[in-house]
Amino acid sequence: MVHEKETHGHNDIFTDIQAKIGCMYISDLPYHKRTVWHEIKRLNLTDYDTKQLEDFSRYVFGVPYAVIAEARKRKDVMMYE
């Protein structure tokens, strides 16, 4: 997957998460799902384009963004560290 940085005023979730978890390459993100998930729970996802969230969710977790969004709504999931 070739990832291009968004240029229309929005943040880039790929590079933001990469920096937060200390991955050298974006291609390493799928190998760090648990760590990525902990960061996703802390982020304000409205800072990112919906298409980018969809791309990120499918690339890292292999699921549609709707699955991630639904999981973030669950108190039991959000409280679990």
N, C-alpha and C. Protein backbone atom coordinates (compact mmCIF):
# COMPACT_ATOMS: atom_id res chain seq x y z
N MET A 1 0.85 -1.18 0.00
CA MET A 1 0.00 0.00 0.00
C MET A 1 0.89 1.24 0.00
N VAL A 2 0.66 2.12 -0.93
CA VAL A 2 1.39 3.37 -0.97
C VAL A 2 0.55 4.40 -0.24
N HIS A 3 1.18 5.06 0.73
CA HIS A 3 0.46 6.05 1.51
C HIS A 3 0.99 7.43 1.19
N GLU A 4 0.09 8.33 0.83
CA GLU A 4 0.48 9.70 0.56
C GLU A 4 -0.09 10.58 1.66
N LYS A 5 0.71 11.52 2.12
CA LYS A 5 0.28 12.42 3.18
C LYS A 5 -0.87 13.29 2.69
N GLU A 6 -1.88 13.42 3.54
CA GLU A 6 -3.00 14.29 3.22
C GLU A 6 -2.49 15.73 3.15
N THR A 7 -2.97 16.48 2.18
CA THR A 7 -2.46 17.84 2.02
C THR A 7 -3.53 18.90 2.13
N HIS A 8 -4.73 18.53 2.53
CA HIS A 8 -5.78 19.54 2.56
C HIS A 8 -6.17 19.92 3.98
N GLY A 9 -5.15 20.17 4.83
CA GLY A 9 -5.40 20.73 6.14
C GLY A 9 -5.74 19.76 7.24
N HIS A 10 -5.73 18.48 6.97
CA HIS A 10 -6.05 17.50 8.00
C HIS A 10 -4.79 16.78 8.44
N ASN A 11 -4.86 16.23 9.64
CA ASN A 11 -3.75 15.45 10.16
C ASN A 11 -3.62 14.13 9.40
N ASP A 12 -2.51 13.49 9.58
CA ASP A 12 -2.25 12.21 8.94
C ASP A 12 -2.17 11.14 10.03
N ILE A 13 -3.19 10.32 10.13
CA ILE A 13 -3.24 9.31 11.19
C ILE A 13 -2.12 8.29 11.06
N PHE A 14 -1.71 7.99 9.85
CA PHE A 14 -0.63 7.02 9.65
C PHE A 14 0.66 7.52 10.31
N THR A 15 1.06 8.74 9.99
CA THR A 15 2.31 9.25 10.55
C THR A 15 2.16 9.62 12.02
N ASP A 16 0.97 10.06 12.43
CA ASP A 16 0.75 10.38 13.85
C ASP A 16 0.90 9.14 14.71
N ILE A 17 0.27 8.04 14.32
CA ILE A 17 0.38 6.80 15.09
C ILE A 17 1.80 6.24 15.00
N GLN A 18 2.38 6.31 13.83
CA GLN A 18 3.76 5.85 13.66
C GLN A 18 4.67 6.55 14.67
N ALA A 19 4.54 7.85 14.80
CA ALA A 19 5.37 8.61 15.73
C ALA A 19 5.04 8.27 17.19
N LYS A 20 3.76 8.13 17.50
CA LYS A 20 3.35 7.86 18.88
C LYS A 20 3.86 6.52 19.39
N ILE A 21 3.89 5.51 18.53
CA ILE A 21 4.31 4.20 19.01
C ILE A 21 5.78 3.91 18.70
N GLY A 22 6.43 4.82 17.98
CA GLY A 22 7.86 4.67 17.73
C GLY A 22 8.22 3.67 16.65
N CYS A 23 7.34 3.48 15.68
CA CYS A 23 7.63 2.59 14.55
C CYS A 23 8.51 3.33 13.55
N MET A 24 9.48 2.63 13.01
CA MET A 24 10.33 3.24 12.01
C MET A 24 9.57 3.37 10.68
N TYR A 25 8.74 2.38 10.36
CA TYR A 25 8.03 2.36 9.08
C TYR A 25 6.54 2.20 9.28
N ILE A 26 5.76 2.86 8.45
CA ILE A 26 4.30 2.71 8.49
C ILE A 26 3.93 1.26 8.24
N SER A 27 4.70 0.57 7.43
CA SER A 27 4.40 -0.83 7.13
C SER A 27 4.51 -1.73 8.36
N ASP A 28 5.11 -1.24 9.44
CA ASP A 28 5.20 -2.01 10.68
C ASP A 28 3.93 -1.93 11.53
N LEU A 29 3.08 -0.97 11.27
CA LEU A 29 1.90 -0.75 12.11
C LEU A 29 1.03 -1.99 12.30
N PRO A 30 0.75 -2.77 11.24
CA PRO A 30 -0.09 -3.96 11.45
C PRO A 30 0.51 -4.98 12.41
N TYR A 31 1.80 -4.92 12.64
CA TYR A 31 2.46 -5.85 13.56
C TYR A 31 2.40 -5.37 15.02
N HIS A 32 1.83 -4.20 15.21
CA HIS A 32 1.73 -3.61 16.55
C HIS A 32 0.28 -3.23 16.87
N LYS A 33 -0.65 -4.10 16.51
CA LYS A 33 -2.08 -3.80 16.65
C LYS A 33 -2.47 -3.38 18.06
N ARG A 34 -1.99 -4.09 19.07
CA ARG A 34 -2.38 -3.78 20.45
C ARG A 34 -1.92 -2.37 20.84
N THR A 35 -0.69 -2.03 20.52
CA THR A 35 -0.17 -0.71 20.84
C THR A 35 -0.90 0.36 20.04
N VAL A 36 -1.15 0.09 18.77
CA VAL A 36 -1.90 1.03 17.93
C VAL A 36 -3.29 1.23 18.52
N TRP A 37 -3.95 0.16 18.94
CA TRP A 37 -5.29 0.27 19.51
C TRP A 37 -5.29 1.17 20.75
N HIS A 38 -4.31 1.03 21.62
CA HIS A 38 -4.24 1.89 22.81
C HIS A 38 -4.12 3.36 22.42
N GLU A 39 -3.39 3.65 21.36
CA GLU A 39 -3.27 5.04 20.90
C GLU A 39 -4.56 5.51 20.24
N ILE A 40 -5.20 4.64 19.48
CA ILE A 40 -6.47 4.98 18.82
C ILE A 40 -7.51 5.38 19.86
N LYS A 41 -7.52 4.69 20.98
CA LYS A 41 -8.49 4.99 22.03
C LYS A 41 -8.27 6.39 22.61
N ARG A 42 -7.07 6.91 22.52
CA ARG A 42 -6.74 8.22 23.10
C ARG A 42 -6.92 9.38 22.12
N LEU A 43 -6.96 9.08 20.85
CA LEU A 43 -7.02 10.14 19.83
C LEU A 43 -8.41 10.72 19.67
N ASN A 44 -8.45 11.97 19.25
CA ASN A 44 -9.69 12.59 18.81
C ASN A 44 -9.77 12.32 17.30
N LEU A 45 -10.55 11.33 16.94
CA LEU A 45 -10.57 10.89 15.54
C LEU A 45 -11.26 11.87 14.61
N THR A 46 -11.95 12.88 15.15
CA THR A 46 -12.54 13.90 14.28
C THR A 46 -11.46 14.78 13.64
N ASP A 47 -10.21 14.63 14.10
CA ASP A 47 -9.10 15.36 13.49
C ASP A 47 -8.67 14.76 12.15
N TYR A 48 -9.26 13.63 11.77
CA TYR A 48 -8.85 12.90 10.58
C TYR A 48 -10.01 12.72 9.62
N ASP A 49 -9.69 12.68 8.33
CA ASP A 49 -10.69 12.43 7.30
C ASP A 49 -11.27 11.03 7.45
N THR A 50 -12.56 10.90 7.16
CA THR A 50 -13.22 9.61 7.25
C THR A 50 -12.57 8.60 6.31
N LYS A 51 -12.22 9.01 5.11
CA LYS A 51 -11.58 8.09 4.17
C LYS A 51 -10.23 7.61 4.72
N GLN A 52 -9.49 8.52 5.33
CA GLN A 52 -8.20 8.13 5.89
C GLN A 52 -8.39 7.16 7.06
N LEU A 53 -9.41 7.39 7.90
CA LEU A 53 -9.71 6.47 9.00
C LEU A 53 -10.08 5.09 8.45
N GLU A 54 -10.84 5.07 7.38
CA GLU A 54 -11.21 3.80 6.75
C GLU A 54 -9.97 3.08 6.22
N ASP A 55 -9.13 3.81 5.52
CA ASP A 55 -7.89 3.22 4.99
C ASP A 55 -7.00 2.70 6.11
N PHE A 56 -6.86 3.48 7.17
CA PHE A 56 -6.02 3.10 8.30
C PHE A 56 -6.57 1.84 8.98
N SER A 57 -7.86 1.83 9.23
CA SER A 57 -8.49 0.70 9.91
C SER A 57 -8.32 -0.59 9.11
N ARG A 58 -8.53 -0.51 7.82
CA ARG A 58 -8.38 -1.70 6.97
C ARG A 58 -6.91 -2.12 6.87
N TYR A 59 -6.02 -1.16 6.78
CA TYR A 59 -4.59 -1.48 6.65
C TYR A 59 -4.02 -2.09 7.93
N VAL A 60 -4.31 -1.49 9.07
CA VAL A 60 -3.72 -1.94 10.33
C VAL A 60 -4.47 -3.12 10.93
N PHE A 61 -5.80 -3.02 10.99
CA PHE A 61 -6.60 -4.02 11.70
C PHE A 61 -7.31 -5.02 10.78
N GLY A 62 -7.41 -4.69 9.50
CA GLY A 62 -8.08 -5.59 8.57
C GLY A 62 -9.59 -5.58 8.70
N VAL A 63 -10.14 -4.50 9.25
CA VAL A 63 -11.59 -4.38 9.42
C VAL A 63 -12.03 -3.00 8.95
N PRO A 64 -13.32 -2.86 8.59
CA PRO A 64 -13.83 -1.54 8.22
C PRO A 64 -13.77 -0.59 9.42
N TYR A 65 -13.69 0.70 9.14
CA TYR A 65 -13.64 1.69 10.21
C TYR A 65 -14.86 1.61 11.12
N ALA A 66 -16.01 1.23 10.59
CA ALA A 66 -17.23 1.12 11.40
C ALA A 66 -17.02 0.20 12.60
N VAL A 67 -16.22 -0.83 12.45
CA VAL A 67 -15.94 -1.76 13.55
C VAL A 67 -15.15 -1.04 14.64
N ILE A 68 -14.17 -0.25 14.25
CA ILE A 68 -13.36 0.50 15.21
C ILE A 68 -14.22 1.55 15.90
N ALA A 69 -15.03 2.26 15.13
CA ALA A 69 -15.89 3.30 15.69
C ALA A 69 -16.86 2.70 16.71
N GLU A 70 -17.43 1.56 16.39
CA GLU A 70 -18.36 0.89 17.31
C GLU A 70 -17.64 0.44 18.58
N ALA A 71 -16.45 -0.10 18.45
CA ALA A 71 -15.69 -0.54 19.62
C ALA A 71 -15.36 0.64 20.53
N ARG A 72 -15.08 1.79 19.95
CA ARG A 72 -14.76 2.98 20.76
C ARG A 72 -15.97 3.47 21.55
N LYS A 73 -17.17 3.11 21.14
CA LYS A 73 -18.39 3.52 21.85
C LYS A 73 -18.63 2.67 23.09
N ARG A 74 -18.03 1.50 23.15
CA ARG A 74 -18.27 0.56 24.25
C ARG A 74 -17.39 0.91 25.45
N LYS A 75 -18.02 1.13 26.58
CA LYS A 75 -17.29 1.48 27.79
C LYS A 75 -16.34 0.36 28.22
N ASP A 76 -16.78 -0.89 28.08
CA ASP A 76 -15.93 -2.00 28.50
C ASP A 76 -14.66 -2.09 27.66
N VAL A 77 -14.76 -1.76 26.40
CA VAL A 77 -13.60 -1.79 25.51
C VAL A 77 -12.68 -0.61 25.81
N MET A 78 -13.25 0.54 26.01
CA MET A 78 -12.45 1.74 26.22
C MET A 78 -11.73 1.73 27.57
N MET A 79 -12.28 1.06 28.56
CA MET A 79 -11.67 1.02 29.88
C MET A 79 -10.55 -0.01 29.94
N TYR A 80 -10.61 -1.03 29.10
CA TYR A 80 -9.61 -2.10 29.13
C TYR A 80 -8.28 -1.59 28.63
N GLU A 81 -7.27 -1.73 29.43
CA GLU A 81 -5.90 -1.35 29.03
C GLU A 81 -5.19 -2.61 28.73
